[in-house]
Amino acid sequence: MRAVSSKELQARALQVETLRDQCLKHEGVYMWRSVNPCTQNVLTYCPECTQEKIHSQAGEQLAQAEAQIRNTRSYSLFAKESIIPPDLKNATIGNFEIHTEQDSEAVNFARRITLEYVKEQYEGNTIISGPPGVGKSHLAVGIAKTLNESFQKFQMKRSVVYLPTIELFSRMKDAFRYKDSKWDERQTIKFLQEVDYLILDDLGKESSVGNEIRQGNNWMQKVLYQILENRTNTIITTNFEGKHLKELYEQSLVDRITKGNMKTNAFKFSKDTASRRSLSASDY
């Protein structure tokens, strides 16, 4: 049998004929006819329809792969899915600078609730509240890191994810414009419902403007409700006290936010606490 050269194969593969018929779906696009060089089968198709099908299949495969990764309860999920601001990349509970007795109490609180979660002695939410700039986000990142590292150390299959609330909604809104985005609303809600330990930072910032308190829009409240309704352990930081949360959100959502023992697992920085941003430029 005579060997077929690569040039001959290429010539055969390029046997594509443009027909006079147009695609019924894509106006002005002419149909193509090609011949399979191996089987000699004739195929008639629209190039635009074919390209759309390829993109659709690739998008579906990517979405499936992302879902499989997200559904894995592992320590790597923290680094893969958390959105940590650049100025908090190095934040830990241990390097939280202590300037006052209240700072010391905040660090001890963070260590205690982290230990309770790791030992599974507490089931419910935790809230850290107070004015902007007092270090709530620093502590939240520190708690998230300690939880993830502890679960890995003790070989406990638990997933931990840290998300600033305003960034979460920003990415979900962007997903409206991009098909098969991993931040698709349904997919994101399901993912966050299933994470073992979710840290939601700056809750309420997505709805407030400066010092003005206004009720969050229905879509945001619905998303938060769906996430928190089906969760057990969520660590939340917020600039708002309980009465202000009731102005931001419907009572049913407030009940989900405060799910747990708020007498022991809530820490509130006093209103007159100085902002760390005015004291130091490091990690705040």
Protein backbone atom coordinates (compact mmCIF):
# COMPACT_ATOMS: atom_id res chain seq x y z
CA MET A 1 0.00 0.00 0.00
CA ARG A 2 1.37 3.40 -0.97
CA ALA A 3 2.11 5.69 1.97
CA VAL A 4 0.12 8.91 2.03
CA SER A 5 2.21 12.03 2.55
CA SER A 6 1.29 14.74 5.03
CA LYS A 7 0.72 17.17 2.13
CA GLU A 8 -1.78 14.80 0.57
CA LEU A 9 -3.62 14.39 3.88
CA GLN A 10 -3.75 18.16 4.30
CA ALA A 11 -5.11 18.59 0.78
CA ARG A 12 -7.80 15.99 1.41
CA ALA A 13 -8.73 17.53 4.74
CA LEU A 14 -9.22 20.91 3.08
CA GLN A 15 -11.84 19.69 0.64
CA VAL A 16 -14.44 22.24 1.72
CA GLU A 17 -16.98 23.67 -0.72
CA THR A 18 -19.04 26.80 -0.14
CA LEU A 19 -22.64 26.24 -1.26
CA ARG A 20 -25.19 28.74 -2.53
CA ASP A 21 -27.64 27.90 0.28
CA GLN A 22 -27.63 30.12 3.35
CA CYS A 23 -28.06 29.09 6.99
CA LEU A 24 -31.64 29.51 8.19
CA LYS A 25 -30.41 30.74 11.57
CA HIS A 26 -27.52 33.03 10.49
CA GLU A 27 -28.64 35.36 7.73
CA GLY A 28 -25.98 35.93 5.07
CA VAL A 29 -23.84 32.94 6.11
CA TYR A 30 -23.42 30.32 3.39
CA MET A 31 -23.46 26.60 4.10
CA TRP A 32 -20.31 24.53 3.73
CA ARG A 33 -19.86 21.03 2.40
CA SER A 34 -16.82 18.94 3.29
CA VAL A 35 -15.69 15.39 2.61
CA ASN A 36 -14.17 13.19 5.31
CA PRO A 37 -10.81 12.11 3.82
CA CYS A 38 -10.98 8.75 5.58
CA THR A 39 -14.60 7.68 5.14
CA GLN A 40 -15.51 9.89 2.17
CA ASN A 41 -18.69 10.85 4.02
CA VAL A 42 -20.17 14.18 2.89
CA LEU A 43 -21.09 16.69 5.60
CA THR A 44 -23.12 19.86 5.00
CA TYR A 45 -23.09 22.46 7.79
CA CYS A 46 -23.12 26.11 8.77
CA PRO A 47 -19.70 27.30 10.03
CA GLU A 48 -21.32 29.69 12.53
CA CYS A 49 -23.59 26.99 13.98
CA THR A 50 -20.61 24.64 14.30
CA GLN A 51 -18.54 27.27 16.12
CA GLU A 52 -21.40 28.01 18.52
CA LYS A 53 -21.74 24.31 19.30
CA ILE A 54 -18.02 24.02 20.04
CA HIS A 55 -18.14 27.03 22.37
CA SER A 56 -21.25 25.70 24.12
CA GLN A 57 -19.71 22.28 24.73
CA ALA A 58 -16.46 23.83 25.96
CA GLY A 59 -18.39 26.12 28.32
CA GLU A 60 -20.43 23.24 29.72
CA GLN A 61 -17.31 21.15 30.30
CA LEU A 62 -15.61 24.07 32.04
CA ALA A 63 -18.66 24.67 34.26
CA GLN A 64 -18.77 20.97 35.17
CA ALA A 65 -15.07 20.99 36.03
CA GLU A 66 -15.48 24.11 38.20
CA ALA A 67 -18.44 22.52 39.99
CA GLN A 68 -16.44 19.35 40.71
CA ILE A 69 -13.56 21.41 42.10
CA ARG A 70 -15.88 23.50 44.24
CA ASN A 71 -17.67 20.45 45.60
CA THR A 72 -14.40 19.01 46.89
CA ARG A 73 -14.17 19.45 50.64
CA SER A 74 -10.45 20.12 50.92
CA TYR A 75 -7.94 22.56 52.35
CA SER A 76 -7.00 23.79 48.85
CA LEU A 77 -10.46 25.30 48.46
CA PHE A 78 -9.46 28.17 50.76
CA ALA A 79 -6.69 29.42 48.47
CA LYS A 80 -8.66 28.67 45.30
CA GLU A 81 -11.98 30.36 46.18
CA SER A 82 -11.26 32.97 48.86
CA ILE A 83 -10.96 36.63 47.80
CA ILE A 84 -8.49 38.21 50.21
CA PRO A 85 -7.63 41.90 49.65
CA PRO A 86 -3.92 42.49 48.91
CA ASP A 87 -3.40 44.50 52.12
CA LEU A 88 -4.66 41.55 54.20
CA LYS A 89 -2.68 38.75 52.51
CA ASN A 90 -0.37 38.45 55.53
CA ALA A 91 -3.02 39.01 58.21
CA THR A 92 -3.19 36.44 61.02
CA ILE A 93 -4.65 36.43 64.50
CA GLY A 94 -1.10 36.39 65.84
CA ASN A 95 0.05 39.61 64.12
CA PHE A 96 -3.02 41.66 65.07
CA GLU A 97 -1.42 44.67 66.76
CA ILE A 98 -2.64 45.20 70.30
CA HIS A 99 -2.91 48.84 71.35
CA THR A 100 -5.66 48.65 73.96
CA GLU A 101 -7.30 46.24 76.37
CA GLN A 102 -10.19 45.93 73.89
CA ASP A 103 -7.73 44.78 71.20
CA SER A 104 -6.50 42.08 73.55
CA GLU A 105 -10.08 40.97 74.21
CA ALA A 106 -10.77 40.86 70.45
CA VAL A 107 -7.73 38.61 69.84
CA ASN A 108 -8.71 36.29 72.69
CA PHE A 109 -12.25 36.13 71.32
CA ALA A 110 -10.97 35.22 67.84
CA ARG A 111 -8.74 32.48 69.28
CA ARG A 112 -11.54 31.08 71.43
CA ILE A 113 -14.20 30.84 68.74
CA THR A 114 -11.66 29.38 66.30
CA LEU A 115 -10.77 26.67 68.82
CA GLU A 116 -14.45 25.96 69.46
CA TYR A 117 -15.08 25.49 65.75
CA VAL A 118 -12.04 23.25 65.30
CA LYS A 119 -13.02 21.10 68.27
CA GLU A 120 -16.63 21.23 67.03
CA GLN A 121 -17.79 22.43 70.45
CA TYR A 122 -19.93 25.18 68.93
CA GLU A 123 -22.40 25.10 66.05
CA GLY A 124 -23.80 28.42 64.86
CA ASN A 125 -22.76 31.83 63.57
CA THR A 126 -20.22 34.27 64.96
CA ILE A 127 -20.44 38.06 64.55
CA ILE A 128 -17.70 40.67 64.94
CA SER A 129 -19.09 44.21 64.72
CA GLY A 130 -17.80 47.73 65.17
CA PRO A 131 -16.85 50.95 63.37
CA PRO A 132 -14.85 50.87 60.12
CA GLY A 133 -11.09 50.47 60.37
CA VAL A 134 -10.86 48.81 63.79
CA GLY A 135 -9.42 45.53 62.45
CA LYS A 136 -12.50 43.34 61.92
CA SER A 137 -11.36 42.19 58.48
CA HIS A 138 -7.86 41.44 59.77
CA LEU A 139 -9.34 39.18 62.45
CA ALA A 140 -11.72 37.58 59.94
CA VAL A 141 -8.87 36.64 57.60
CA GLY A 142 -6.88 35.40 60.59
CA ILE A 143 -9.77 33.22 61.76
CA ALA A 144 -10.22 31.80 58.25
CA LYS A 145 -6.52 30.95 57.92
CA THR A 146 -6.33 29.36 61.37
CA LEU A 147 -9.42 27.24 60.72
CA ASN A 148 -8.07 25.98 57.41
CA GLU A 149 -4.58 25.27 58.76
CA SER A 150 -5.99 23.51 61.84
CA PHE A 151 -8.29 21.26 59.80
CA GLN A 152 -5.34 20.34 57.59
CA LYS A 153 -3.11 19.66 60.60
CA PHE A 154 -5.67 17.36 62.21
CA GLN A 155 -6.61 15.81 58.84
CA MET A 156 -10.23 16.90 59.16
CA LYS A 157 -11.98 17.20 55.80
CA ARG A 158 -13.50 20.66 56.21
CA SER A 159 -13.80 23.48 53.68
CA VAL A 160 -13.17 27.15 54.57
CA VAL A 161 -13.82 30.17 52.32
CA TYR A 162 -13.36 33.91 53.02
CA LEU A 163 -15.33 36.45 50.95
CA PRO A 164 -15.87 40.20 51.27
CA THR A 165 -19.64 40.54 50.81
CA ILE A 166 -19.42 43.50 48.43
CA GLU A 167 -16.97 41.59 46.20
CA LEU A 168 -19.25 38.55 46.21
CA PHE A 169 -22.18 40.57 44.83
CA SER A 170 -19.96 42.42 42.37
CA ARG A 171 -18.85 39.13 40.80
CA MET A 172 -22.36 37.72 40.79
CA LYS A 173 -23.58 40.84 38.95
CA ASP A 174 -20.77 40.49 36.39
CA ALA A 175 -21.86 36.89 35.83
CA PHE A 176 -25.13 38.14 34.36
CA ARG A 177 -23.12 39.20 31.29
CA TYR A 178 -20.97 36.11 30.92
CA LYS A 179 -22.40 32.69 30.14
CA ASP A 180 -21.03 29.78 32.18
CA SER A 181 -19.34 32.05 34.73
CA LYS A 182 -18.55 30.21 37.95
CA TRP A 183 -20.19 33.14 39.78
CA ASP A 184 -23.55 32.32 38.23
CA GLU A 185 -26.23 32.99 40.87
CA ARG A 186 -27.59 29.46 41.23
CA GLN A 187 -24.15 27.87 41.19
CA THR A 188 -22.69 30.38 43.67
CA ILE A 189 -25.55 30.03 46.15
CA LYS A 190 -25.28 26.23 46.07
CA PHE A 191 -21.51 26.40 46.55
CA LEU A 192 -21.71 28.78 49.53
CA GLN A 193 -24.49 26.73 51.13
CA GLU A 194 -22.21 23.69 51.13
CA VAL A 195 -18.97 25.27 52.38
CA ASP A 196 -18.39 24.06 55.95
CA TYR A 197 -17.06 27.36 57.31
CA LEU A 198 -17.90 30.57 55.43
CA ILE A 199 -16.43 33.94 56.44
CA LEU A 200 -18.55 36.84 55.13
CA ASP A 201 -16.65 40.08 55.64
CA ASP A 202 -18.25 43.54 55.81
CA LEU A 203 -21.87 42.40 55.69
CA GLY A 204 -24.10 45.41 55.06
CA LYS A 205 -21.53 47.30 52.99
CA GLU A 206 -23.21 46.00 49.85
CA SER A 207 -26.37 47.91 50.83
CA SER A 208 -25.13 51.03 52.64
CA VAL A 209 -23.76 54.27 51.22
CA GLY A 210 -21.31 56.02 53.53
CA ASN A 211 -23.00 56.55 56.87
CA GLU A 212 -26.46 56.28 55.32
CA ILE A 213 -28.42 53.16 56.21
CA ARG A 214 -30.98 51.98 53.68
CA GLN A 215 -32.66 48.66 53.20
CA GLY A 216 -30.78 46.33 50.87
CA ASN A 217 -32.43 45.57 47.53
CA ASN A 218 -34.65 42.52 47.23
CA TRP A 219 -32.22 40.54 45.08
CA MET A 220 -29.32 40.86 47.52
CA GLN A 221 -31.53 40.01 50.47
CA LYS A 222 -32.90 36.98 48.65
CA VAL A 223 -29.38 35.71 47.87
CA LEU A 224 -28.17 36.22 51.44
CA TYR A 225 -31.30 34.54 52.80
CA GLN A 226 -30.83 31.49 50.58
CA ILE A 227 -27.18 31.16 51.57
CA LEU A 228 -27.67 31.61 55.31
CA GLU A 229 -30.93 29.64 55.55
CA ASN A 230 -29.06 26.49 54.58
CA ARG A 231 -25.88 27.09 56.57
CA THR A 232 -24.77 26.36 60.11
CA ASN A 233 -21.32 27.90 60.71
CA THR A 234 -20.80 31.39 59.28
CA ILE A 235 -18.39 34.01 60.64
CA ILE A 236 -19.65 37.52 59.87
CA THR A 237 -18.09 40.95 60.27
CA THR A 238 -20.18 44.11 59.97
CA ASN A 239 -20.07 47.82 60.73
CA PHE A 240 -23.65 47.66 61.99
CA GLU A 241 -25.21 46.81 65.33
CA GLY A 242 -28.33 44.67 65.71
CA LYS A 243 -30.81 47.56 65.47
CA HIS A 244 -29.11 48.84 62.33
CA LEU A 245 -29.14 45.38 60.74
CA LYS A 246 -32.92 45.47 61.15
CA GLU A 247 -32.98 48.69 59.12
CA LEU A 248 -30.84 47.10 56.41
CA TYR A 249 -32.56 43.73 56.18
CA GLU A 250 -35.90 42.06 56.65
CA GLN A 251 -36.40 40.40 60.04
CA SER A 252 -36.31 36.89 58.55
CA LEU A 253 -32.82 37.57 57.19
CA VAL A 254 -31.63 39.15 60.44
CA ASP A 255 -32.73 35.96 62.21
CA ARG A 256 -30.50 33.91 59.86
CA ILE A 257 -27.56 36.29 60.38
CA THR A 258 -27.80 35.98 64.17
CA LYS A 259 -28.35 32.21 64.15
CA GLY A 260 -26.45 30.77 67.12
CA ASN A 261 -25.49 31.92 70.61
CA MET A 262 -24.98 35.66 70.23
CA LYS A 263 -24.37 36.06 73.97
CA THR A 264 -21.06 34.19 73.76
CA ASN A 265 -20.17 34.28 70.06
CA ALA A 266 -20.53 37.95 69.24
CA PHE A 267 -17.85 40.60 69.79
CA LYS A 268 -18.54 44.32 69.46
CA PHE A 269 -15.89 47.02 69.23
CA SER A 270 -17.07 50.15 71.03
CA LYS A 271 -18.31 53.07 68.90
CA ASP A 272 -15.40 55.31 69.96
CA THR A 273 -12.71 52.81 68.92
CA ALA A 274 -10.05 54.63 66.89
CA SER A 275 -9.51 53.53 63.31
CA ARG A 276 -6.30 51.59 62.80
CA ARG A 277 -5.92 53.22 59.41
CA SER A 278 -5.07 56.46 61.20
CA LEU A 279 -2.69 54.68 63.59
CA SER A 280 -0.72 52.45 61.24
CA ALA A 281 -0.35 51.69 57.57
CA SER A 282 0.48 48.02 58.05
CA ASP A 283 -2.01 45.28 57.13
CA TYR A 284 -5.20 47.24 57.83
